[in-house]
N, C-alpha and C. Protein backbone atom coordinates (compact mmCIF):
# COMPACT_ATOMS: atom_id res chain seq x y z
N GLU A 1 0.81 -1.20 0.00
CA GLU A 1 0.00 0.00 0.00
C GLU A 1 0.85 1.26 0.00
N VAL A 2 1.95 1.24 0.73
CA VAL A 2 2.84 2.41 0.76
C VAL A 2 3.46 2.61 -0.62
N ALA A 3 3.83 1.52 -1.25
CA ALA A 3 4.41 1.62 -2.60
C ALA A 3 3.40 2.25 -3.56
N ARG A 4 2.14 1.89 -3.42
CA ARG A 4 1.11 2.48 -4.29
C ARG A 4 0.90 3.96 -3.98
N LEU A 5 0.95 4.34 -2.70
CA LEU A 5 0.85 5.76 -2.34
C LEU A 5 2.00 6.55 -2.96
N LEU A 6 3.20 6.00 -2.87
CA LEU A 6 4.35 6.68 -3.45
C LEU A 6 4.21 6.77 -4.97
N ALA A 7 3.67 5.75 -5.58
CA ALA A 7 3.43 5.79 -7.04
C ALA A 7 2.51 6.94 -7.40
N ARG A 8 1.49 7.17 -6.57
CA ARG A 8 0.57 8.29 -6.84
C ARG A 8 1.30 9.62 -6.73
N VAL A 9 2.18 9.76 -5.75
CA VAL A 9 2.96 10.99 -5.61
C VAL A 9 3.83 11.20 -6.85
N HIS A 10 4.51 10.15 -7.26
CA HIS A 10 5.42 10.26 -8.41
C HIS A 10 4.69 10.53 -9.71
N SER A 11 3.44 10.15 -9.79
CA SER A 11 2.71 10.34 -11.05
C SER A 11 2.10 11.73 -11.19
N VAL A 12 2.27 12.58 -10.18
CA VAL A 12 1.74 13.95 -10.24
C VAL A 12 2.50 14.72 -11.32
N GLU A 13 1.74 15.36 -12.19
CA GLU A 13 2.35 16.20 -13.22
C GLU A 13 2.97 17.44 -12.58
N THR A 14 4.17 17.79 -13.02
CA THR A 14 4.85 18.94 -12.42
C THR A 14 4.32 20.25 -12.95
N GLY A 15 3.74 20.25 -14.14
CA GLY A 15 3.11 21.46 -14.68
C GLY A 15 3.97 22.70 -14.60
N GLY A 16 5.26 22.57 -14.84
CA GLY A 16 6.13 23.73 -14.83
C GLY A 16 6.63 24.12 -13.46
N LEU A 17 6.40 23.28 -12.44
CA LEU A 17 6.94 23.58 -11.12
C LEU A 17 8.45 23.62 -11.17
N ALA A 18 9.04 24.47 -10.37
CA ALA A 18 10.48 24.55 -10.27
C ALA A 18 10.93 23.88 -8.97
N PRO A 19 12.15 23.38 -8.92
CA PRO A 19 12.65 22.83 -7.65
C PRO A 19 12.64 23.90 -6.57
N ARG A 20 12.52 23.45 -5.33
CA ARG A 20 12.53 24.38 -4.20
C ARG A 20 13.87 25.08 -4.11
N PRO A 21 13.87 26.39 -3.98
CA PRO A 21 15.16 27.09 -3.83
C PRO A 21 15.80 26.74 -2.48
N ARG A 22 17.12 26.70 -2.49
CA ARG A 22 17.91 26.44 -1.28
C ARG A 22 17.52 25.14 -0.58
N HIS A 23 17.08 24.16 -1.33
CA HIS A 23 16.72 22.87 -0.77
C HIS A 23 17.65 21.82 -1.38
N ALA A 24 18.39 21.13 -0.54
CA ALA A 24 19.38 20.18 -1.05
C ALA A 24 18.71 19.01 -1.76
N ARG A 25 19.23 18.72 -2.94
CA ARG A 25 18.82 17.55 -3.69
C ARG A 25 20.01 16.60 -3.77
N LEU A 26 19.77 15.37 -4.15
CA LEU A 26 20.84 14.38 -4.12
C LEU A 26 22.04 14.81 -4.96
N GLY A 27 21.81 15.39 -6.10
CA GLY A 27 22.91 15.77 -6.98
C GLY A 27 23.73 16.95 -6.51
N ASP A 28 23.31 17.59 -5.42
CA ASP A 28 24.06 18.72 -4.87
C ASP A 28 25.26 18.20 -4.08
N LEU A 29 26.43 18.36 -4.64
CA LEU A 29 27.65 17.91 -3.97
C LEU A 29 28.44 19.11 -3.49
N PRO A 30 29.31 18.98 -2.53
CA PRO A 30 29.68 17.74 -1.86
C PRO A 30 28.73 17.42 -0.71
N PHE A 31 28.82 16.18 -0.24
CA PHE A 31 28.08 15.77 0.95
C PHE A 31 28.81 16.33 2.18
N PRO A 32 28.14 16.39 3.33
CA PRO A 32 28.82 16.87 4.54
C PRO A 32 30.08 16.05 4.83
N GLU A 33 31.03 16.67 5.46
CA GLU A 33 32.27 15.98 5.84
C GLU A 33 31.98 14.91 6.89
N ALA A 34 32.83 13.91 6.93
CA ALA A 34 32.73 12.86 7.94
C ALA A 34 33.37 13.39 9.22
N ALA A 35 32.55 13.86 10.14
CA ALA A 35 33.05 14.45 11.39
C ALA A 35 31.95 14.42 12.43
N GLY A 36 32.32 14.69 13.66
CA GLY A 36 31.34 14.88 14.71
C GLY A 36 30.76 13.61 15.30
N LEU A 37 31.41 12.47 15.09
CA LEU A 37 30.91 11.24 15.69
C LEU A 37 31.28 11.21 17.17
N PRO A 38 30.44 10.61 17.99
CA PRO A 38 30.79 10.51 19.42
C PRO A 38 32.00 9.59 19.60
N SER A 39 32.61 9.67 20.74
CA SER A 39 33.86 8.93 20.98
C SER A 39 33.69 7.43 20.78
N GLU A 40 32.53 6.89 21.12
CA GLU A 40 32.34 5.44 20.96
C GLU A 40 32.27 5.00 19.50
N LEU A 41 32.11 5.95 18.56
CA LEU A 41 32.11 5.63 17.13
C LEU A 41 33.30 6.25 16.39
N ALA A 42 34.19 6.88 17.13
CA ALA A 42 35.32 7.58 16.50
C ALA A 42 36.17 6.65 15.66
N ASP A 43 36.27 5.38 16.04
CA ASP A 43 37.08 4.45 15.25
C ASP A 43 36.46 4.18 13.88
N ARG A 44 35.19 4.55 13.68
CA ARG A 44 34.51 4.36 12.39
C ARG A 44 34.68 5.54 11.44
N LEU A 45 35.29 6.62 11.94
CA LEU A 45 35.42 7.83 11.13
C LEU A 45 36.18 7.61 9.82
N PRO A 46 37.30 6.89 9.82
CA PRO A 46 37.97 6.66 8.53
C PRO A 46 37.08 5.91 7.52
N ARG A 47 36.36 4.91 7.98
CA ARG A 47 35.48 4.16 7.08
C ARG A 47 34.35 5.05 6.59
N LEU A 48 33.80 5.88 7.45
CA LEU A 48 32.75 6.80 7.03
C LEU A 48 33.28 7.74 5.96
N GLY A 49 34.52 8.21 6.09
CA GLY A 49 35.12 9.05 5.07
C GLY A 49 35.22 8.33 3.73
N GLU A 50 35.58 7.04 3.76
CA GLU A 50 35.64 6.25 2.54
C GLU A 50 34.25 6.10 1.91
N LEU A 51 33.25 5.81 2.75
CA LEU A 51 31.88 5.66 2.26
C LEU A 51 31.38 6.97 1.65
N ARG A 52 31.73 8.08 2.27
CA ARG A 52 31.35 9.39 1.74
C ARG A 52 31.91 9.57 0.33
N GLU A 53 33.18 9.27 0.16
CA GLU A 53 33.82 9.41 -1.15
C GLU A 53 33.19 8.47 -2.18
N GLU A 54 32.91 7.23 -1.79
CA GLU A 54 32.31 6.27 -2.70
C GLU A 54 30.92 6.72 -3.16
N THR A 55 30.12 7.20 -2.23
CA THR A 55 28.76 7.60 -2.59
C THR A 55 28.77 8.90 -3.40
N MET A 56 29.67 9.82 -3.07
CA MET A 56 29.77 11.04 -3.87
C MET A 56 30.22 10.72 -5.29
N ARG A 57 31.12 9.76 -5.42
CA ARG A 57 31.59 9.35 -6.75
C ARG A 57 30.42 8.81 -7.58
N LEU A 58 29.57 7.99 -6.97
CA LEU A 58 28.41 7.46 -7.68
C LEU A 58 27.50 8.59 -8.16
N VAL A 59 27.19 9.52 -7.29
CA VAL A 59 26.30 10.63 -7.65
C VAL A 59 26.95 11.49 -8.72
N ARG A 60 28.22 11.77 -8.58
CA ARG A 60 28.93 12.58 -9.57
C ARG A 60 28.92 11.88 -10.94
N GLU A 61 29.15 10.57 -10.95
CA GLU A 61 29.13 9.82 -12.21
C GLU A 61 27.75 9.89 -12.86
N LEU A 62 26.70 9.80 -12.05
CA LEU A 62 25.34 9.88 -12.60
C LEU A 62 25.06 11.26 -13.17
N THR A 63 25.45 12.30 -12.45
CA THR A 63 25.18 13.65 -12.94
C THR A 63 26.02 13.98 -14.16
N ASP A 64 27.25 13.46 -14.22
CA ASP A 64 28.13 13.75 -15.35
C ASP A 64 27.87 12.86 -16.57
N SER A 65 27.24 11.72 -16.36
CA SER A 65 27.06 10.76 -17.46
C SER A 65 26.01 11.20 -18.47
N GLY A 66 25.13 12.06 -18.05
CA GLY A 66 24.03 12.45 -18.94
C GLY A 66 22.93 11.40 -18.99
N ARG A 67 23.04 10.38 -18.13
CA ARG A 67 21.99 9.36 -18.07
C ARG A 67 20.70 10.03 -17.63
N PRO A 68 19.65 9.92 -18.43
CA PRO A 68 18.40 10.59 -18.05
C PRO A 68 17.67 9.80 -16.95
N LEU A 69 17.63 10.37 -15.77
CA LEU A 69 16.89 9.74 -14.67
C LEU A 69 15.54 10.42 -14.54
N THR A 70 14.54 9.63 -14.20
CA THR A 70 13.19 10.16 -14.05
C THR A 70 13.19 11.18 -12.91
N THR A 71 12.82 12.38 -13.23
CA THR A 71 12.78 13.47 -12.26
C THR A 71 11.35 13.97 -12.17
N GLY A 72 10.91 14.21 -10.97
CA GLY A 72 9.55 14.70 -10.76
C GLY A 72 9.30 14.93 -9.29
N VAL A 73 8.05 14.97 -8.91
CA VAL A 73 7.67 15.21 -7.52
C VAL A 73 8.14 14.03 -6.66
N VAL A 74 8.80 14.37 -5.55
CA VAL A 74 9.22 13.36 -4.57
C VAL A 74 8.73 13.79 -3.19
N HIS A 75 8.48 12.81 -2.34
CA HIS A 75 8.11 13.09 -0.95
C HIS A 75 9.36 13.37 -0.14
N GLY A 76 10.37 12.51 -0.31
CA GLY A 76 11.66 12.73 0.33
C GLY A 76 11.83 12.13 1.70
N ASP A 77 10.76 11.60 2.31
CA ASP A 77 10.89 11.09 3.68
C ASP A 77 9.81 10.05 3.97
N VAL A 78 9.66 9.08 3.07
CA VAL A 78 8.67 8.03 3.29
C VAL A 78 9.27 6.97 4.20
N PHE A 79 8.74 6.86 5.39
CA PHE A 79 9.09 5.82 6.35
C PHE A 79 7.85 5.59 7.21
N PRO A 80 7.80 4.51 7.99
CA PRO A 80 6.57 4.19 8.71
C PRO A 80 5.98 5.34 9.53
N GLY A 81 6.81 6.18 10.12
CA GLY A 81 6.31 7.29 10.92
C GLY A 81 5.58 8.36 10.13
N ASN A 82 5.74 8.36 8.82
CA ASN A 82 5.08 9.35 7.97
C ASN A 82 3.95 8.74 7.14
N VAL A 83 3.50 7.57 7.55
CA VAL A 83 2.40 6.91 6.86
C VAL A 83 1.20 6.88 7.79
N LEU A 84 0.09 7.44 7.35
CA LEU A 84 -1.14 7.42 8.11
C LEU A 84 -1.88 6.13 7.78
N VAL A 85 -2.23 5.39 8.80
CA VAL A 85 -2.95 4.12 8.63
C VAL A 85 -4.36 4.30 9.18
N HIS A 86 -5.33 3.93 8.37
CA HIS A 86 -6.74 4.04 8.75
C HIS A 86 -7.42 2.70 8.48
N HIS A 87 -8.03 2.14 9.49
CA HIS A 87 -8.67 0.83 9.37
C HIS A 87 -7.71 -0.21 8.81
N GLY A 88 -6.46 -0.17 9.28
CA GLY A 88 -5.47 -1.17 8.88
C GLY A 88 -4.89 -0.98 7.50
N ARG A 89 -5.17 0.15 6.87
CA ARG A 89 -4.65 0.39 5.51
C ARG A 89 -3.91 1.72 5.46
N ALA A 90 -2.82 1.74 4.71
CA ALA A 90 -2.09 2.99 4.51
C ALA A 90 -2.98 3.91 3.69
N SER A 91 -3.27 5.08 4.25
CA SER A 91 -4.22 5.97 3.57
C SER A 91 -3.63 7.32 3.17
N ALA A 92 -2.50 7.71 3.75
CA ALA A 92 -1.93 9.02 3.41
C ALA A 92 -0.47 9.08 3.83
N LEU A 93 0.26 9.97 3.18
CA LEU A 93 1.63 10.28 3.56
C LEU A 93 1.63 11.63 4.28
N LEU A 94 2.33 11.69 5.38
CA LEU A 94 2.42 12.91 6.19
C LEU A 94 3.81 13.52 6.06
N ASP A 95 3.98 14.72 6.58
CA ASP A 95 5.26 15.42 6.68
C ASP A 95 5.90 15.63 5.32
N TRP A 96 5.48 16.67 4.67
CA TRP A 96 5.95 17.00 3.31
C TRP A 96 7.10 18.00 3.31
N GLU A 97 7.79 18.11 4.43
CA GLU A 97 8.88 19.08 4.55
C GLU A 97 10.00 18.84 3.54
N GLU A 98 10.25 17.60 3.18
CA GLU A 98 11.34 17.27 2.25
C GLU A 98 10.88 17.17 0.80
N ALA A 99 9.61 17.42 0.53
CA ALA A 99 9.08 17.31 -0.84
C ALA A 99 9.79 18.28 -1.78
N ASP A 100 9.99 17.83 -3.01
CA ASP A 100 10.71 18.64 -3.99
C ASP A 100 10.58 17.98 -5.35
N LEU A 101 11.32 18.48 -6.31
CA LEU A 101 11.49 17.83 -7.60
C LEU A 101 12.89 17.24 -7.58
N ASP A 102 12.99 15.94 -7.80
CA ASP A 102 14.29 15.28 -7.74
C ASP A 102 14.19 13.95 -8.45
N TRP A 103 15.27 13.17 -8.36
CA TRP A 103 15.29 11.84 -8.95
C TRP A 103 14.32 10.94 -8.20
N GLN A 104 13.34 10.43 -8.90
CA GLN A 104 12.32 9.62 -8.25
C GLN A 104 12.84 8.25 -7.83
N ALA A 105 13.86 7.72 -8.50
CA ALA A 105 14.44 6.44 -8.08
C ALA A 105 15.05 6.56 -6.69
N TYR A 106 15.60 7.72 -6.36
CA TYR A 106 16.16 7.94 -5.03
C TYR A 106 15.04 7.93 -3.98
N ASP A 107 13.94 8.57 -4.27
CA ASP A 107 12.78 8.59 -3.38
C ASP A 107 12.23 7.17 -3.19
N LEU A 108 12.15 6.43 -4.27
CA LEU A 108 11.67 5.05 -4.21
C LEU A 108 12.62 4.20 -3.36
N ALA A 109 13.91 4.40 -3.53
CA ALA A 109 14.90 3.65 -2.75
C ALA A 109 14.78 3.97 -1.26
N ILE A 110 14.59 5.24 -0.92
CA ILE A 110 14.45 5.64 0.48
C ILE A 110 13.27 4.90 1.11
N ALA A 111 12.14 4.92 0.43
CA ALA A 111 10.94 4.26 0.95
C ALA A 111 11.13 2.75 1.02
N ALA A 112 11.68 2.18 -0.03
CA ALA A 112 11.85 0.72 -0.09
C ALA A 112 12.68 0.21 1.08
N TRP A 113 13.72 0.94 1.45
CA TRP A 113 14.57 0.51 2.57
C TRP A 113 13.74 0.28 3.83
N PHE A 114 12.89 1.22 4.16
CA PHE A 114 12.15 1.13 5.41
C PHE A 114 11.12 0.01 5.43
N PHE A 115 10.65 -0.38 4.26
CA PHE A 115 9.61 -1.39 4.20
C PHE A 115 10.13 -2.74 3.72
N CYS A 116 11.42 -2.82 3.42
CA CYS A 116 12.00 -4.06 2.88
C CYS A 116 13.27 -4.48 3.59
N ARG A 117 13.50 -3.96 4.77
CA ARG A 117 14.73 -4.29 5.45
C ARG A 117 14.47 -5.27 6.59
N ALA A 118 15.52 -5.97 6.93
CA ALA A 118 15.52 -6.85 8.10
C ALA A 118 16.80 -6.49 8.86
N GLY A 119 16.68 -5.58 9.83
CA GLY A 119 17.86 -5.07 10.53
C GLY A 119 18.68 -4.23 9.58
N ALA A 120 19.97 -4.58 9.46
CA ALA A 120 20.86 -3.84 8.57
C ALA A 120 20.92 -4.50 7.19
N GLU A 121 20.09 -5.49 6.96
CA GLU A 121 20.08 -6.22 5.68
C GLU A 121 18.85 -5.84 4.87
N LEU A 122 18.98 -5.90 3.56
CA LEU A 122 17.88 -5.64 2.64
C LEU A 122 17.28 -6.97 2.22
N ASP A 123 15.98 -7.12 2.40
CA ASP A 123 15.26 -8.32 1.95
C ASP A 123 14.95 -8.12 0.47
N ARG A 124 15.70 -8.78 -0.38
CA ARG A 124 15.57 -8.59 -1.83
C ARG A 124 14.23 -9.07 -2.36
N VAL A 125 13.65 -10.08 -1.74
CA VAL A 125 12.32 -10.56 -2.17
C VAL A 125 11.27 -9.50 -1.84
N ALA A 126 11.35 -8.94 -0.64
CA ALA A 126 10.42 -7.86 -0.26
C ALA A 126 10.62 -6.66 -1.16
N LEU A 127 11.86 -6.36 -1.53
CA LEU A 127 12.13 -5.24 -2.44
C LEU A 127 11.44 -5.47 -3.78
N ALA A 128 11.55 -6.67 -4.31
CA ALA A 128 10.91 -6.98 -5.60
C ALA A 128 9.39 -6.82 -5.50
N ARG A 129 8.80 -7.24 -4.38
CA ARG A 129 7.34 -7.07 -4.19
C ARG A 129 6.99 -5.59 -4.08
N PHE A 130 7.80 -4.82 -3.36
CA PHE A 130 7.55 -3.39 -3.19
C PHE A 130 7.58 -2.69 -4.55
N ILE A 131 8.60 -3.00 -5.35
CA ILE A 131 8.72 -2.38 -6.67
C ILE A 131 7.56 -2.79 -7.57
N ALA A 132 7.16 -4.04 -7.49
CA ALA A 132 6.02 -4.51 -8.30
C ALA A 132 4.75 -3.76 -7.91
N ALA A 133 4.53 -3.57 -6.61
CA ALA A 133 3.34 -2.83 -6.15
C ALA A 133 3.42 -1.37 -6.59
N TYR A 134 4.61 -0.80 -6.55
CA TYR A 134 4.82 0.58 -7.00
C TYR A 134 4.44 0.71 -8.48
N ARG A 135 4.91 -0.20 -9.28
CA ARG A 135 4.61 -0.14 -10.72
C ARG A 135 3.13 -0.43 -10.98
N ALA A 136 2.55 -1.35 -10.24
CA ALA A 136 1.12 -1.64 -10.40
C ALA A 136 0.27 -0.43 -10.04
N GLY A 137 0.80 0.41 -9.14
CA GLY A 137 0.10 1.62 -8.73
C GLY A 137 0.33 2.80 -9.65
N GLY A 138 1.06 2.59 -10.73
CA GLY A 138 1.30 3.66 -11.69
C GLY A 138 2.59 4.43 -11.47
N GLY A 139 3.51 3.87 -10.70
CA GLY A 139 4.79 4.54 -10.44
C GLY A 139 5.56 4.82 -11.71
N THR A 140 6.29 5.89 -11.73
CA THR A 140 6.94 6.39 -12.95
C THR A 140 8.40 5.99 -13.11
N VAL A 141 9.02 5.43 -12.07
CA VAL A 141 10.41 5.01 -12.20
C VAL A 141 10.43 3.74 -13.06
N PRO A 142 11.11 3.80 -14.20
CA PRO A 142 11.10 2.66 -15.12
C PRO A 142 12.06 1.55 -14.67
N PRO A 143 11.84 0.32 -15.14
CA PRO A 143 12.74 -0.78 -14.81
C PRO A 143 14.20 -0.49 -15.17
N ALA A 144 14.44 0.36 -16.14
CA ALA A 144 15.81 0.70 -16.54
C ALA A 144 16.59 1.39 -15.42
N GLU A 145 15.88 1.89 -14.40
CA GLU A 145 16.55 2.55 -13.27
C GLU A 145 16.63 1.65 -12.04
N ASP A 146 16.17 0.41 -12.14
CA ASP A 146 16.21 -0.50 -10.99
C ASP A 146 17.63 -0.76 -10.50
N ASP A 147 18.62 -0.68 -11.39
CA ASP A 147 20.01 -0.90 -11.00
C ASP A 147 20.50 0.15 -10.00
N LEU A 148 19.78 1.25 -9.87
CA LEU A 148 20.19 2.32 -8.97
C LEU A 148 19.58 2.22 -7.58
N LEU A 149 18.58 1.37 -7.40
CA LEU A 149 17.86 1.35 -6.14
C LEU A 149 18.75 0.96 -4.96
N VAL A 150 19.48 -0.13 -5.05
CA VAL A 150 20.35 -0.53 -3.94
C VAL A 150 21.48 0.49 -3.74
N PRO A 151 22.15 0.95 -4.80
CA PRO A 151 23.15 2.01 -4.56
C PRO A 151 22.55 3.27 -3.93
N PHE A 152 21.33 3.64 -4.31
CA PHE A 152 20.69 4.81 -3.70
C PHE A 152 20.34 4.55 -2.23
N ILE A 153 19.95 3.33 -1.90
CA ILE A 153 19.70 3.00 -0.49
C ILE A 153 21.00 3.21 0.28
N ARG A 154 22.09 2.76 -0.29
CA ARG A 154 23.40 2.92 0.35
C ARG A 154 23.76 4.39 0.52
N VAL A 155 23.53 5.18 -0.51
CA VAL A 155 23.80 6.61 -0.43
C VAL A 155 23.02 7.23 0.72
N LYS A 156 21.75 6.89 0.83
CA LYS A 156 20.90 7.48 1.89
C LYS A 156 21.39 7.06 3.27
N ARG A 157 21.82 5.83 3.44
CA ARG A 157 22.32 5.37 4.74
C ARG A 157 23.56 6.19 5.12
N VAL A 158 24.45 6.40 4.16
CA VAL A 158 25.67 7.18 4.42
C VAL A 158 25.31 8.62 4.75
N LEU A 159 24.40 9.20 3.98
CA LEU A 159 24.00 10.59 4.25
C LEU A 159 23.37 10.75 5.63
N GLU A 160 22.61 9.76 6.07
CA GLU A 160 22.02 9.83 7.41
C GLU A 160 23.10 9.97 8.48
N VAL A 161 24.19 9.21 8.34
CA VAL A 161 25.27 9.28 9.33
C VAL A 161 26.01 10.61 9.21
N LEU A 162 26.28 11.04 7.97
CA LEU A 162 27.00 12.30 7.79
C LEU A 162 26.23 13.49 8.33
N ARG A 163 24.92 13.45 8.22
CA ARG A 163 24.09 14.58 8.67
C ARG A 163 23.71 14.49 10.15
N ALA A 164 23.90 13.33 10.76
CA ALA A 164 23.49 13.13 12.15
C ALA A 164 24.05 14.15 13.13
N PRO A 165 25.32 14.54 13.03
CA PRO A 165 25.84 15.49 14.02
C PRO A 165 25.10 16.82 14.05
N THR A 166 24.34 17.15 13.01
CA THR A 166 23.60 18.41 13.00
C THR A 166 22.16 18.23 13.47
N ASP A 167 21.74 16.99 13.74
CA ASP A 167 20.38 16.73 14.23
C ASP A 167 20.26 17.09 15.70
N ARG A 168 19.05 17.42 16.12
CA ARG A 168 18.81 17.78 17.52
C ARG A 168 18.95 16.58 18.46
N HIS A 169 18.34 15.47 18.11
CA HIS A 169 18.35 14.28 18.95
C HIS A 169 18.85 13.11 18.11
N VAL A 170 20.09 12.73 18.34
CA VAL A 170 20.70 11.69 17.52
C VAL A 170 20.66 10.35 18.26
N ASP A 171 20.16 9.34 17.58
CA ASP A 171 20.22 7.97 18.08
C ASP A 171 21.46 7.34 17.46
N TRP A 172 22.56 7.32 18.21
CA TRP A 172 23.82 6.85 17.65
C TRP A 172 23.80 5.36 17.38
N ASP A 173 22.97 4.61 18.09
CA ASP A 173 22.84 3.18 17.77
C ASP A 173 22.23 3.02 16.37
N GLU A 174 21.26 3.87 16.06
CA GLU A 174 20.66 3.85 14.72
C GLU A 174 21.69 4.24 13.66
N GLN A 175 22.54 5.20 13.98
CA GLN A 175 23.56 5.61 13.02
C GLN A 175 24.60 4.51 12.81
N LEU A 176 24.90 3.76 13.85
CA LEU A 176 25.78 2.61 13.70
C LEU A 176 25.12 1.57 12.79
N GLU A 177 23.81 1.37 12.93
CA GLU A 177 23.06 0.47 12.03
C GLU A 177 23.14 0.98 10.59
N ASN A 178 23.03 2.29 10.41
CA ASN A 178 23.15 2.87 9.07
C ASN A 178 24.53 2.57 8.46
N LEU A 179 25.57 2.70 9.27
CA LEU A 179 26.91 2.38 8.78
C LEU A 179 27.02 0.91 8.41
N ARG A 180 26.51 0.05 9.25
CA ARG A 180 26.54 -1.40 8.96
C ARG A 180 25.78 -1.70 7.68
N ALA A 181 24.62 -1.06 7.51
CA ALA A 181 23.83 -1.28 6.31
C ALA A 181 24.58 -0.80 5.06
N ALA A 182 25.20 0.36 5.14
CA ALA A 182 25.96 0.89 4.00
C ALA A 182 27.08 -0.06 3.61
N GLU A 183 27.74 -0.62 4.60
CA GLU A 183 28.81 -1.57 4.30
C GLU A 183 28.25 -2.86 3.72
N ALA A 184 27.13 -3.35 4.25
CA ALA A 184 26.53 -4.59 3.76
C ALA A 184 26.00 -4.44 2.34
N LEU A 185 25.54 -3.23 1.99
CA LEU A 185 24.99 -2.99 0.67
C LEU A 185 26.06 -2.74 -0.38
N GLY A 186 27.30 -2.54 0.05
CA GLY A 186 28.39 -2.21 -0.86
C GLY A 186 28.86 -3.39 -1.60
């Protein structure tokens, strides 16, 4: 149901909408520096720096390659806490603060992670079902972009850790899980 809701968001015609000014999109490089980890994670800082470089290289290659990626309306923050459930069914997406025009495969990857993961691992069977439901719901990301979903999940996990030091309330155990997931997805 969440995949179908996201498909509806992605199918919205942009009608000449412009991207939000001063709002970071995935292609905006560089990513934040690898810094500000608490002492108990300080030994992970070199690896985080490597992951930062790897994920920036992927994004740079995509932006420089001229590969046409489906761009349109994105929610930017689809996870269980932003899904309204009514009578046991997903009925709406909440919290549109991150909405923008961007690569829709990245938005799909962000959502898929939260609904297709088992700890720090990605359930590939659940991912295939999620993508199938997305497409059945009219989602606009074509199969030609499926090769980017797992790399985009990895990019998002790395960005979560890089941005964590600027968050108000950081769950460092969750950030350690993000690091583990990024490494497992590599």
